[in-house]
């Protein structure tokens, strides 16, 4: 075993949620895998849990699906790892030497620099990608300082405690360790048809899971899809002001990130000669990204002040953003010669 090893890692395009940030931090180290990244992460969905909502991208995740450029992956439960590798640090070091990134859950109570450190138990995911025996530290990616995505060095002793003290139940998502690495033998294409299908689904609030019926369980028909998410967020803000629901910053962060990703995608498509959108469309989508960023910041102001005027401003920005993005996507679909846009009644 080496005395030190650090696997390559980049700043990911998406960092609103760990399952996207971890995987993209690795995928985007490879030009071949990056092509797959920009061909996906177009559609989003919302799960309405009554008092809370959860927003996510509808793209493959190694937790439940296959991603070509990091296939095959390895998933083990904690009991199996403990049975055959009692020393978790040795297990991680061995896997990193084999080129594997290690995604697991730890209790942040034992992780220096986190809000939970020596304060409260908080199981959370991290990804380990390097180690140094001389310093007795592991390189980790996750949400540490101010709960923002980044990288830190964690002492062996602290990581061992954080892993061992993380309570989890069998079959719970916190019970698994995921190992993955770039498969250089995989080739990816950029499919304009697939991009346009996702974009049309997003604009028309269509259930993209209907195409993946063999991979999904029941319940996707109850999710809110695509641009229709903004209608639900407006209503949830009303409920939040009446203290009937909880809405945090994450859906608004993801909406801004979604627009930012679209602009990066269009840059990528043009740079690699896949497609070039009209300059007016490019300019308009950049403006939409800025509008989403401002809306995100207004949501932060509301959460910090709890003044209704900020929530009402966010609601109006949601309405305007929804109408403008819908119209612009119609132009995009027409320009790339793809059908799928239909007349939509936007709530006002």
Foldseek 3Di string as FASTA:
>chain_A
DDQKDFAQFDQFLDDLDVQRRVVRRALVVDPQSVLVVLLAQQKKWWDCPFQEIDIDGPDDTLLQDDRQFWPPKDKDFPVVCCVVPVQVVVVCAVLLVVQKKKKAKFFCCLWPQAPNPVNHTDIDIKIWGMAHNVQQWTKIWAQGHVRGTDIDITHSVSRRNRHVPDDDDPPDSNRMMMITHGDVVDGDDRDPQSSLVSLLCQLVQHQPCVVVVVRDDPDSVVMTIHLCVLVVLLVSLVCVLVVRHDDALSVLVVVLSSLVSVLVSQVVCVVVVVDHDDPVLSVLSVVLSVLSVVLSVLRVVCVVVVDVVSSVVSSVSSQVSSVSVSVSSVVVCVVVPHDRRDDDDGDD
